Amino acid sequence: MECILMKSYIITIPHIAIFTILGIAILGGSILYFKKSKNKK
């Protein structure tokens, strides 16, 4: 049981990190995009 849990943690933790980084990048990019579009008007 412990081996399976360790394997699942090793697989899951990097995925969570990647998704959080992607989420932050998308949010940051969208905020910058909206600021630029507002400045153009």
Foldseek 3Di string as FASTA:
>chain_A
DVVVVVVCCVVVVVVVVVVVVVVVVVVVVVVVVVVVVVVVD
